[in-house]
Amino acid sequence: MEHKIQEAVTVIDKLRVLYNLQLIDSRIDEIRKFRKNIPIEIESLEEELDKMKKKLENIHEDILYLKENINRQNQSVKSSEILINKYEKQKDHVKNHKELYSLDKEIDYQKLEIQLSKKRIKELNIQIYKKKEILKKKEYLLKNKKEHLLHKKKELNNILLENDKEEKILLKKSLFFSKKVDNNLLKTYQRIRNGVKNGVAIAPVQRGAPLGSYLAITPQKYSELVQRTKLLIDEHSGRILIDSELAEEEKKKSFVFCYKKKL
């Protein structure tokens, strides 16, 4: 009987140490993943900024093109006015009605050209006005986006500095708990961690299934688990199992969660 009690305490101690080690290593994973994703996040924001700048450049080019078109229309008006003036002078020297009719027709045509050019100028000015309104809004958005990017970089940099401090402490803690685990069990823990996607080697069992799994363990295995008399491996994922009550108990007093509260 005495031997069984000692064995149960040993298994609970192993589970406590392993789960603490898991919590610490998972937080280190989280920090490293965050650090790895920062350049991607910044790059995404900068790409968005570049696209906005490109759109602004295109609007500026559109406005420039419209202004050039107005200049061409103004030039066309001047050319028509010169021709009208020329034809009016020629009318003073016509010799017959046919020549006069021809000149009047040319004058009327040039007047129509002037009207058409002025109409186009008016339409082009409306387009320019609309483009400038869009430009104003987009410049405002661009300014905000630049400020957001600057703020985001500062914010991420501050988080990185805090994370670097935290990671150094966590690595020491991870080593501390690793030394409390016997060599074979530590190798098993590390092998499982390296073999699963999320690096979780110690899985709490909630509602009859290991966390992150839809496959429930058998009632017999669950009964053995809550007795805490031996280390159990999930046959589907290969992870070491811990009952949710013990896991929650360790999580509440875990160094990781205490440290995060201080931050």
Protein backbone atom coordinates (compact mmCIF):
# COMPACT_ATOMS: atom_id res chain seq x y z
CA MET A 1 0.00 0.00 0.00
CA GLU A 2 2.80 2.38 0.96
CA HIS A 3 4.61 1.56 -2.30
CA LYS A 4 1.46 2.39 -4.36
CA ILE A 5 1.07 5.81 -2.66
CA GLN A 6 4.72 6.61 -3.38
CA GLU A 7 4.29 5.56 -7.02
CA ALA A 8 1.16 7.73 -7.42
CA VAL A 9 2.96 10.78 -6.00
CA THR A 10 5.84 10.16 -8.39
CA VAL A 11 3.52 10.05 -11.43
CA ILE A 12 1.73 13.24 -10.33
CA ASP A 13 5.08 14.99 -9.82
CA LYS A 14 6.21 13.87 -13.27
CA LEU A 15 2.98 15.17 -14.82
CA ARG A 16 3.29 18.49 -12.97
CA VAL A 17 6.87 19.00 -14.13
CA LEU A 18 6.12 17.88 -17.70
CA TYR A 19 3.07 20.12 -17.98
CA ASN A 20 4.98 23.12 -16.62
CA LEU A 21 7.73 22.38 -19.12
CA GLN A 22 5.08 22.16 -21.85
CA LEU A 23 3.53 25.51 -20.88
CA ILE A 24 6.95 27.18 -20.93
CA ASP A 25 8.00 25.59 -24.24
CA SER A 26 4.63 26.45 -25.84
CA ARG A 27 5.08 30.08 -24.81
CA ILE A 28 8.60 30.07 -26.31
CA ASP A 29 7.09 28.64 -29.52
CA GLU A 30 4.49 31.41 -29.46
CA ILE A 31 7.16 34.11 -29.06
CA ARG A 32 9.27 32.68 -31.90
CA LYS A 33 6.27 32.33 -34.20
CA PHE A 34 5.30 35.94 -33.48
CA ARG A 35 8.88 37.09 -34.21
CA LYS A 36 8.89 35.11 -37.46
CA ASN A 37 5.54 36.58 -38.57
CA ILE A 38 6.46 40.23 -37.92
CA PRO A 39 8.37 40.76 -41.21
CA ILE A 40 5.40 39.21 -43.08
CA GLU A 41 2.94 41.54 -41.32
CA ILE A 42 5.10 44.63 -41.96
CA GLU A 43 5.69 43.58 -45.57
CA SER A 44 1.93 43.18 -46.05
CA LEU A 45 1.28 46.69 -44.66
CA GLU A 46 4.06 48.18 -46.82
CA GLU A 47 2.68 46.45 -49.92
CA GLU A 48 -0.74 47.92 -49.13
CA LEU A 49 0.90 51.34 -48.76
CA ASP A 50 2.70 50.95 -52.11
CA LYS A 51 -0.58 50.03 -53.82
CA MET A 52 -2.20 53.16 -52.39
CA LYS A 53 0.74 55.28 -53.59
CA LYS A 54 0.47 53.73 -57.04
CA LYS A 55 -3.26 54.55 -57.18
CA LEU A 56 -2.46 58.16 -56.23
CA GLU A 57 0.19 58.34 -58.96
CA ASN A 58 -2.37 57.03 -61.46
CA ILE A 59 -4.88 59.71 -60.41
CA HIS A 60 -2.19 62.41 -60.75
CA GLU A 61 -1.40 61.06 -64.22
CA ASP A 62 -5.12 61.08 -65.11
CA ILE A 63 -5.42 64.72 -63.98
CA LEU A 64 -2.32 65.65 -65.98
CA TYR A 65 -3.73 63.93 -69.06
CA LEU A 66 -7.07 65.78 -68.63
CA LYS A 67 -5.24 69.12 -68.29
CA GLU A 68 -3.24 68.39 -71.44
CA ASN A 69 -6.51 67.62 -73.18
CA ILE A 70 -7.91 70.99 -72.01
CA ASN A 71 -4.80 72.71 -73.40
CA ARG A 72 -5.39 70.97 -76.72
CA GLN A 73 -9.03 72.08 -76.72
CA ASN A 74 -8.01 75.66 -75.88
CA GLN A 75 -5.50 75.53 -78.70
CA SER A 76 -8.23 74.29 -80.98
CA VAL A 77 -10.44 77.24 -79.97
CA LYS A 78 -7.62 79.68 -80.73
CA SER A 79 -7.01 78.03 -84.11
CA SER A 80 -10.72 78.28 -84.95
CA GLU A 81 -10.80 81.94 -83.89
CA ILE A 82 -7.80 82.68 -86.11
CA LEU A 83 -9.54 80.99 -89.02
CA ILE A 84 -12.79 82.87 -88.38
CA ASN A 85 -10.85 86.13 -88.33
CA LYS A 86 -9.12 85.16 -91.54
CA TYR A 87 -12.40 84.19 -93.26
CA GLU A 88 -14.06 87.44 -92.10
CA LYS A 89 -11.29 89.43 -93.74
CA GLN A 90 -11.59 87.36 -96.90
CA LYS A 91 -15.28 88.23 -97.09
CA ASP A 92 -14.32 91.84 -97.81
CA HIS A 93 -12.71 90.74 -101.06
CA VAL A 94 -15.18 88.18 -102.40
CA LYS A 95 -16.21 88.52 -106.01
CA ASN A 96 -19.38 86.46 -106.04
CA HIS A 97 -22.12 85.01 -103.91
CA LYS A 98 -20.72 81.49 -104.12
CA GLU A 99 -17.42 82.51 -102.47
CA LEU A 100 -19.30 84.39 -99.77
CA TYR A 101 -21.50 81.36 -99.08
CA SER A 102 -18.44 79.13 -98.87
CA LEU A 103 -16.71 81.48 -96.39
CA ASP A 104 -19.84 81.77 -94.24
CA LYS A 105 -20.06 78.01 -94.17
CA GLU A 106 -16.44 77.75 -93.01
CA ILE A 107 -17.04 80.41 -90.36
CA ASP A 108 -20.13 78.53 -89.08
CA TYR A 109 -18.15 75.29 -89.00
CA GLN A 110 -15.34 76.90 -86.95
CA LYS A 111 -17.91 78.39 -84.56
CA LEU A 112 -19.35 74.90 -84.04
CA GLU A 113 -15.83 73.61 -83.45
CA ILE A 114 -15.36 76.30 -80.79
CA GLN A 115 -18.65 75.35 -79.12
CA LEU A 116 -17.69 71.70 -79.17
CA SER A 117 -14.23 72.44 -77.74
CA LYS A 118 -15.71 74.60 -74.97
CA LYS A 119 -18.19 71.84 -74.15
CA ARG A 120 -15.31 69.36 -73.94
CA ILE A 121 -13.34 71.77 -71.74
CA LYS A 122 -16.30 72.02 -69.38
CA GLU A 123 -16.64 68.22 -69.22
CA LEU A 124 -12.90 67.82 -68.68
CA ASN A 125 -12.94 70.36 -65.83
CA ILE A 126 -15.76 68.39 -64.16
CA GLN A 127 -13.67 65.22 -64.50
CA ILE A 128 -10.66 67.00 -63.00
CA TYR A 129 -12.78 68.24 -60.09
CA LYS A 130 -14.04 64.69 -59.39
CA LYS A 131 -10.52 63.28 -59.67
CA LYS A 132 -9.21 65.90 -57.24
CA GLU A 133 -11.96 65.02 -54.75
CA ILE A 134 -10.98 61.33 -54.96
CA LEU A 135 -7.34 62.34 -54.68
CA LYS A 136 -8.03 64.34 -51.51
CA LYS A 137 -9.76 61.37 -49.86
CA LYS A 138 -7.06 58.92 -50.93
CA GLU A 139 -4.27 61.23 -49.72
CA TYR A 140 -6.02 61.39 -46.34
CA LEU A 141 -6.25 57.59 -46.24
CA LEU A 142 -2.61 57.30 -47.26
CA LYS A 143 -1.55 59.66 -44.49
CA ASN A 144 -3.49 57.55 -41.96
CA LYS A 145 -2.00 54.35 -43.38
CA LYS A 146 1.53 55.77 -43.04
CA GLU A 147 0.83 56.77 -39.43
CA HIS A 148 -0.65 53.32 -38.75
CA LEU A 149 2.44 51.61 -40.20
CA LEU A 150 4.75 53.81 -38.13
CA HIS A 151 2.70 53.13 -34.98
CA LYS A 152 2.59 49.39 -35.79
CA LYS A 153 6.36 49.22 -36.21
CA LYS A 154 6.91 50.94 -32.84
CA GLU A 155 4.32 48.72 -31.17
CA LEU A 156 5.83 45.53 -32.62
CA ASN A 157 9.32 46.67 -31.69
CA ASN A 158 8.22 47.19 -28.06
CA ILE A 159 6.59 43.76 -28.00
CA LEU A 160 9.77 42.23 -29.46
CA LEU A 161 11.89 43.81 -26.74
CA GLU A 162 9.54 42.46 -24.04
CA ASN A 163 9.42 39.07 -25.74
CA ASP A 164 13.22 38.89 -25.91
CA LYS A 165 13.43 39.48 -22.16
CA GLU A 166 10.67 36.94 -21.53
CA GLU A 167 12.26 34.34 -23.83
CA LYS A 168 15.61 34.52 -22.01
CA ILE A 169 13.87 33.91 -18.68
CA LEU A 170 11.71 31.14 -20.17
CA LEU A 171 14.72 29.35 -21.64
CA LYS A 172 16.31 29.26 -18.18
CA LYS A 173 13.04 27.99 -16.70
CA SER A 174 12.73 25.38 -19.45
CA LEU A 175 16.23 24.14 -18.62
CA PHE A 176 15.34 24.14 -14.90
CA PHE A 177 12.26 21.93 -15.43
CA SER A 178 14.10 19.74 -17.99
CA LYS A 179 16.63 18.84 -15.32
CA LYS A 180 13.77 17.66 -13.09
CA VAL A 181 12.70 15.08 -15.70
CA ASP A 182 14.63 11.83 -16.09
CA ASN A 183 16.57 11.54 -19.33
CA ASN A 184 14.42 8.90 -21.06
CA LEU A 185 11.16 10.73 -20.31
CA LEU A 186 12.69 14.02 -21.47
CA LYS A 187 13.73 12.39 -24.76
CA THR A 188 10.18 11.03 -25.17
CA TYR A 189 8.73 14.49 -24.49
CA GLN A 190 11.08 16.13 -27.01
CA ARG A 191 10.42 13.43 -29.62
CA ILE A 192 6.65 13.92 -29.29
CA ARG A 193 7.02 17.72 -29.43
CA ASN A 194 9.06 17.48 -32.62
CA GLY A 195 6.56 15.07 -34.16
CA VAL A 196 3.38 17.13 -33.72
CA LYS A 197 2.45 20.32 -35.59
CA ASN A 198 1.71 22.54 -32.62
CA GLY A 199 4.57 21.22 -30.44
CA VAL A 200 2.13 20.07 -27.73
CA ALA A 201 3.43 16.85 -26.19
CA ILE A 202 1.32 16.95 -22.99
CA ALA A 203 -2.39 17.09 -23.80
CA PRO A 204 -5.08 17.80 -21.19
CA VAL A 205 -8.16 15.60 -21.61
CA GLN A 206 -11.38 17.62 -21.77
CA ARG A 207 -14.85 16.12 -22.35
CA GLY A 208 -13.27 12.72 -22.85
CA ALA A 209 -10.85 13.77 -25.64
CA PRO A 210 -7.29 15.20 -25.63
CA LEU A 211 -7.21 18.96 -26.28
CA GLY A 212 -7.13 19.65 -30.00
CA SER A 213 -8.42 16.16 -30.89
CA TYR A 214 -11.90 14.94 -31.80
CA LEU A 215 -11.06 11.33 -31.00
CA ALA A 216 -12.15 10.41 -27.49
CA ILE A 217 -10.13 8.08 -25.29
CA THR A 218 -11.76 4.90 -23.93
CA PRO A 219 -13.64 5.06 -20.57
CA GLN A 220 -11.08 2.62 -19.15
CA LYS A 221 -8.17 4.85 -20.13
CA TYR A 222 -9.97 7.91 -18.75
CA SER A 223 -10.49 6.06 -15.45
CA GLU A 224 -6.75 5.26 -15.32
CA LEU A 225 -5.94 8.87 -16.19
CA VAL A 226 -7.85 10.43 -13.29
CA GLN A 227 -6.28 7.93 -10.89
CA ARG A 228 -2.85 9.37 -11.87
CA THR A 229 -1.04 6.13 -11.14
CA LYS A 230 0.85 5.89 -14.46
CA LEU A 231 1.78 7.96 -17.48
CA LEU A 232 -0.62 7.37 -20.36
CA ILE A 233 -0.05 7.90 -24.07
CA ASP A 234 -2.87 8.80 -26.48
CA GLU A 235 -2.93 6.01 -29.06
CA HIS A 236 -4.10 8.35 -31.86
CA SER A 237 -1.74 11.33 -31.50
CA GLY A 238 1.04 9.71 -29.46
CA ARG A 239 0.92 12.53 -26.87
CA ILE A 240 1.22 12.12 -23.10
CA LEU A 241 -2.15 12.65 -21.39
CA ILE A 242 -2.94 14.71 -18.29
CA ASP A 243 -6.37 15.13 -16.69
CA SER A 244 -7.88 18.61 -17.09
CA GLU A 245 -8.16 19.21 -13.33
CA LEU A 246 -4.44 18.72 -12.73
CA ALA A 247 -3.63 20.72 -15.88
CA GLU A 248 -5.80 23.64 -14.73
CA GLU A 249 -4.25 23.51 -11.28
CA GLU A 250 -0.73 23.78 -12.75
CA LYS A 251 -1.76 26.45 -15.24
CA LYS A 252 -3.05 28.72 -12.45
CA LYS A 253 0.30 28.70 -10.66
CA SER A 254 2.43 28.42 -13.80
CA PHE A 255 5.40 30.75 -14.15
CA VAL A 256 4.32 31.53 -17.73
CA PHE A 257 0.92 32.90 -16.72
CA CYS A 258 2.33 34.74 -13.70
CA TYR A 259 4.90 36.44 -15.94
CA LYS A 260 2.30 37.39 -18.56
CA LYS A 261 0.20 39.04 -15.86
CA LYS A 262 3.16 41.20 -14.84
CA LEU A 263 3.62 42.25 -18.47
